[in-house]
Protein backbone atom coordinates (compact mmCIF):
# COMPACT_ATOMS: atom_id res chain seq x y z
CA MET A 1 116.54 4.70 7.49
CA GLY A 2 117.31 8.23 9.37
CA VAL A 3 117.63 9.86 12.64
CA ILE A 4 115.53 12.38 14.32
CA GLU A 5 116.75 14.24 16.89
CA PHE A 6 114.44 16.10 18.78
CA TRP A 7 115.82 18.24 21.49
CA PHE A 8 113.51 19.30 24.28
CA GLU A 9 113.04 21.15 27.63
CA PHE A 10 109.74 19.73 29.90
CA ALA A 11 108.93 23.28 30.47
CA SER A 12 108.38 24.80 27.21
CA THR A 13 104.35 24.47 25.81
CA TYR A 14 105.71 24.05 21.52
CA SER A 15 107.64 21.26 23.14
CA TYR A 16 103.92 19.60 24.31
CA PRO A 17 102.31 19.72 20.86
CA ALA A 18 105.78 18.18 19.16
CA ALA A 19 106.07 15.05 21.66
CA MET A 20 102.42 14.05 20.49
CA ARG A 21 103.47 13.91 16.54
CA ILE A 22 106.68 13.37 16.65
CA GLU A 23 106.27 9.70 16.82
CA ALA A 24 103.85 8.84 14.65
CA LEU A 25 105.21 11.96 11.88
CA THR A 26 108.96 10.31 11.50
CA SER A 27 107.49 6.61 11.66
CA ALA A 28 105.49 7.26 8.80
CA ALA A 29 108.25 8.21 6.95
CA GLY A 30 110.57 5.29 7.95
CA HIS A 31 112.27 7.06 10.92
CA THR A 32 113.56 6.58 13.69
CA VAL A 33 112.72 9.60 17.30
CA ALA A 34 116.44 10.22 20.00
CA TRP A 35 114.64 11.70 22.67
CA THR A 36 116.74 14.23 23.70
CA PRO A 37 116.04 16.19 27.21
CA PHE A 38 118.33 19.43 28.00
CA LEU A 39 117.35 22.83 30.57
CA LEU A 40 116.47 25.71 28.78
CA GLY A 41 117.47 27.78 31.95
CA PRO A 42 121.58 27.73 31.25
CA LEU A 43 121.37 28.36 27.89
CA PHE A 44 119.20 31.57 28.49
CA HIS A 45 121.59 32.52 30.82
CA SER A 46 124.37 31.95 28.47
CA GLN A 47 123.11 33.49 25.23
CA GLN A 48 120.67 36.32 26.99
CA GLY A 49 121.18 36.87 30.10
CA LEU A 50 117.81 36.17 30.83
CA THR A 51 117.18 34.35 34.37
CA ASP A 52 113.13 33.64 33.58
CA SER A 53 111.32 32.37 30.36
CA PRO A 54 111.87 35.05 27.62
CA PHE A 55 107.50 35.15 27.27
CA ASN A 56 107.76 36.23 31.34
CA ALA A 57 110.75 38.49 30.82
CA PHE A 58 108.78 39.80 27.77
CA PRO A 59 104.66 39.93 28.51
CA VAL A 60 103.68 41.02 25.51
CA LYS A 61 105.24 38.02 23.74
CA GLY A 62 103.80 36.24 26.70
CA ARG A 63 100.05 37.27 25.59
CA TYR A 64 101.28 36.18 21.99
CA MET A 65 102.61 32.95 22.65
CA TRP A 66 99.67 31.95 24.86
CA ARG A 67 97.08 32.42 22.52
CA ASP A 68 99.01 30.99 19.87
CA PHE A 69 99.93 27.59 22.31
CA ALA A 70 96.34 26.99 23.16
CA ARG A 71 95.21 27.56 18.60
CA VAL A 72 98.23 24.71 18.16
CA CYS A 73 96.70 22.18 20.95
CA ALA A 74 93.18 23.19 19.20
CA LYS A 75 93.93 22.28 16.52
CA GLU A 76 95.85 19.14 17.15
CA ASP A 77 92.61 18.05 19.05
CA LEU A 78 94.88 17.95 22.04
CA PRO A 79 94.08 19.44 25.26
CA LEU A 80 95.05 22.10 27.19
CA GLU A 81 95.03 23.17 30.81
CA THR A 82 97.25 26.32 31.61
CA PRO A 83 99.60 25.58 34.01
CA ALA A 84 99.92 27.05 37.69
CA VAL A 85 103.43 27.90 37.68
CA PHE A 86 105.07 29.06 33.96
CA PRO A 87 107.93 28.27 33.77
CA GLN A 88 108.20 23.97 35.19
CA ASN A 89 111.10 23.08 36.82
CA GLY A 90 111.71 20.10 34.10
CA LEU A 91 115.64 18.49 35.97
CA LEU A 92 113.86 15.66 37.56
CA ALA A 93 112.13 14.85 34.18
CA ALA A 94 114.75 15.42 32.16
CA ARG A 95 116.96 13.56 34.29
CA CYS A 96 114.41 10.37 34.78
CA THR A 97 114.19 10.71 31.40
CA LEU A 98 117.79 9.63 30.52
CA ALA A 99 117.83 7.15 33.85
CA LEU A 100 115.50 5.07 31.37
CA PRO A 101 115.68 2.70 28.92
CA GLU A 102 115.43 4.07 24.94
CA GLU A 103 112.34 2.18 24.17
CA ALA A 104 110.16 3.69 27.63
CA ARG A 105 111.61 7.50 27.25
CA ALA A 106 108.84 8.02 24.86
CA ALA A 107 105.93 7.71 26.97
CA PHE A 108 107.28 8.51 29.91
CA VAL A 109 107.82 12.33 28.20
CA LYS A 110 104.14 12.73 26.41
CA ALA A 111 103.05 10.92 30.69
CA VAL A 112 105.28 14.14 31.83
CA TYR A 113 103.94 16.45 29.08
CA THR A 114 100.37 15.51 29.93
CA GLU A 115 100.84 16.05 33.24
CA ASN A 116 102.15 19.39 32.87
CA PHE A 117 99.77 20.73 30.33
CA VAL A 118 96.99 18.91 30.42
CA ARG A 119 96.42 18.08 34.58
CA GLY A 120 98.47 21.49 35.53
CA ALA A 121 100.41 18.84 37.99
CA MET A 122 103.90 19.98 39.09
CA ILE A 123 106.12 18.26 37.04
CA SER A 124 108.80 18.92 40.06
CA GLU A 125 106.95 16.53 42.43
CA PRO A 126 109.06 12.81 42.81
CA ASP A 127 105.01 11.09 43.10
CA VAL A 128 104.35 12.93 39.31
CA ILE A 129 107.84 11.82 37.73
CA ALA A 130 106.77 7.56 40.04
CA ARG A 131 103.84 8.37 37.50
CA CYS A 132 104.67 9.08 34.84
CA VAL A 133 107.62 6.54 35.08
CA GLU A 134 105.07 3.90 35.72
CA SER A 135 102.79 4.96 32.79
CA ALA A 136 105.75 4.30 30.88
CA GLY A 137 106.57 0.38 31.96
CA GLN A 138 109.15 0.67 33.99
CA ASP A 139 110.37 0.86 37.68
CA SER A 140 109.70 4.17 39.52
CA GLY A 141 111.81 3.30 42.55
CA ALA A 142 114.92 2.28 40.28
CA VAL A 143 114.22 4.90 38.03
CA LEU A 144 114.32 8.33 40.39
CA ALA A 145 117.21 6.78 41.59
CA ARG A 146 119.17 6.73 38.85
CA SER A 147 118.02 9.47 38.08
CA GLY A 148 119.84 11.35 40.83
CA SER A 149 122.74 9.55 39.70
CA ASP A 150 126.78 10.93 38.80
CA GLU A 151 126.50 9.36 35.67
CA ILE A 152 123.11 11.02 34.84
CA LYS A 153 123.27 14.11 36.62
CA ALA A 154 126.91 14.97 34.05
CA GLU A 155 124.89 13.81 31.29
CA LEU A 156 122.47 16.17 31.36
CA LYS A 157 124.52 19.00 31.84
CA ALA A 158 126.30 17.51 28.61
CA ASN A 159 123.21 17.57 26.55
CA THR A 160 122.73 21.04 27.75
CA GLY A 161 126.03 21.88 27.10
CA GLU A 162 126.05 20.62 23.73
CA ALA A 163 122.28 22.74 22.34
CA ILE A 164 124.23 25.36 23.04
CA ARG A 165 127.24 24.44 21.59
CA ARG A 166 125.47 23.43 18.19
CA GLY A 167 123.19 26.76 18.22
CA VAL A 168 120.30 25.71 19.74
CA PHE A 169 118.15 28.34 20.97
CA GLY A 170 114.89 27.38 21.76
CA SER A 171 112.71 23.81 22.22
CA PRO A 172 111.88 22.16 20.53
CA THR A 173 114.68 21.70 18.32
CA PHE A 174 114.90 18.73 15.56
CA PHE A 175 117.94 18.26 13.92
CA ALA A 176 117.95 15.90 10.10
CA ASP A 177 121.55 13.37 9.93
CA ASP A 178 123.40 16.10 8.01
CA GLY A 179 123.04 18.52 11.43
CA GLU A 180 120.86 20.96 9.74
CA MET A 181 118.54 22.11 12.31
CA PHE A 182 114.87 23.23 12.81
CA TRP A 183 113.41 25.49 15.41
CA GLY A 184 109.79 24.96 16.65
CA ASN A 185 107.34 22.46 16.40
CA ASP A 186 105.83 24.43 13.46
CA ARG A 187 109.22 23.25 11.39
CA LEU A 188 108.41 19.83 12.99
CA GLU A 189 107.20 18.16 9.31
CA ASP A 190 110.04 20.41 8.15
CA ALA A 191 112.74 18.93 9.55
CA ILE A 192 111.32 15.05 8.25
CA ALA A 193 111.14 16.50 4.85
CA TRP A 194 114.65 17.67 4.93
CA GLN A 195 115.25 14.25 6.00
CA ASP A 196 113.43 12.46 3.37
CA ALA A 197 115.88 14.05 0.53
CA PRO A 198 118.66 16.66 2.46
CA ARG A 199 118.85 19.38 -0.39
CA LYS A 200 121.40 22.85 -0.83
CA VAL A 201 120.43 26.41 0.12
CA LYS A 202 121.71 29.27 -0.49
CA SER A 203 121.97 31.11 2.82
CA ILE A 204 123.41 34.69 3.47
CA GLY A 205 127.33 33.14 4.03
CA GLY A 206 126.85 31.20 0.77
CA THR A 207 125.86 27.75 -0.41
CA LYS A 208 124.87 25.55 3.15
């Protein structure tokens, strides 16, 4: 049994189908998921100097993304409602993920993505996040209080810094046990296959 690290940002479109699929796929392969939230804003700013989503900064890319995203959701039989605000502020949701016990994180994460991309709710609103916490079987008051602690704030900041250090440039990103990185919802199956049977792949710089 291995662990697939799932690095995600709640504002990310393609992380929605990944979050809805990853638990069943990894479980069927005998692996578990490490649900690891981080923030794309600092990452985009440090790597590309962007202060907005690349899909907003480059409209032609954004138009394609929304059409492709709709196709992906239709293929996976996932409901989709384009949010009124994009990207949404996922800071509170990310902190609450870390404030939750590990066994409750999957249900919470999926509930937040549903609020964002199915119900069109504002996931920066405490009432919305409280509803997601309760749906995961946890006490919303306690989790929201802990999410504002210095410990949780520092952990999320460290996650974002670690993502930058490890070469993450978007969400969703997956890591196998040996550190091999895979980016995008459409690479989830590849990450699981690599976890099952790691292999050497020649790269431009030599053999990886």
